């Protein structure tokens, strides 16, 4: 599947507390379209329900 055909739907949400460094890094990678890094975080068990609001 080509990267351009993926539909990224990142919706902001309300969170309590601070983001961990790994959560913030995951969000940066996702927004930048860095799929290799996103997959690495997902395989590492990152919480995909994280947000940075």
Protein backbone atom coordinates (compact mmCIF):
# COMPACT_ATOMS: atom_id res chain seq x y z
CA UNK A 1 0.00 0.00 0.00
CA UNK A 2 1.41 3.35 -0.99
CA UNK A 3 1.88 5.89 1.77
CA UNK A 4 -0.12 8.47 -0.16
CA UNK A 5 -3.20 6.22 -0.05
CA UNK A 6 -3.23 6.05 3.75
CA UNK A 7 -5.85 8.16 5.47
CA UNK A 8 -4.45 9.71 8.65
CA UNK A 9 -7.20 11.00 10.89
CA UNK A 10 -5.50 12.48 13.95
CA UNK A 11 -8.17 14.13 16.05
CA UNK A 12 -7.27 16.26 19.07
CA UNK A 13 -8.61 15.09 22.42
CA UNK A 14 -8.69 16.28 26.00
CA UNK A 15 -6.04 14.84 28.30
CA UNK A 16 -4.96 15.27 31.89
CA UNK A 17 -1.31 15.67 32.85
CA UNK A 18 1.84 15.88 30.82
CA UNK A 19 2.83 13.76 27.85
CA UNK A 20 5.74 11.43 28.28
CA UNK A 21 8.68 11.96 25.96
CA UNK A 22 7.80 8.81 24.01
CA UNK A 23 4.18 9.92 23.53
CA UNK A 24 5.28 13.33 22.28
CA UNK A 25 7.81 11.69 19.95
CA UNK A 26 5.12 9.36 18.62
CA UNK A 27 2.84 12.31 17.83
CA UNK A 28 5.66 14.23 16.14
CA UNK A 29 6.50 11.22 13.97
CA UNK A 30 2.84 10.70 13.04
CA UNK A 31 2.30 14.34 12.11
CA UNK A 32 5.50 14.41 10.08
CA UNK A 33 4.52 11.28 8.18
CA UNK A 34 7.57 9.38 9.43
CA UNK A 35 6.03 5.93 8.99
CA UNK A 36 9.14 3.97 9.95
CA UNK A 37 9.25 5.73 13.32
CA UNK A 38 5.47 5.40 13.84
CA UNK A 39 5.65 1.65 13.19
CA UNK A 40 8.61 1.39 15.57
CA UNK A 41 6.59 3.08 18.34
CA UNK A 42 3.54 0.90 17.64
CA UNK A 43 5.61 -2.28 17.82
CA UNK A 44 7.04 -0.98 21.09
CA UNK A 45 3.55 -0.75 22.59
CA UNK A 46 3.01 3.02 22.59
CA UNK A 47 -0.48 4.12 23.67
CA UNK A 48 -2.15 5.19 20.43
CA UNK A 49 -4.87 7.04 22.34
CA UNK A 50 -2.43 9.72 23.43
CA UNK A 51 -2.86 13.43 22.71
CA UNK A 52 -1.01 16.66 23.37
CA UNK A 53 -3.66 19.20 24.19
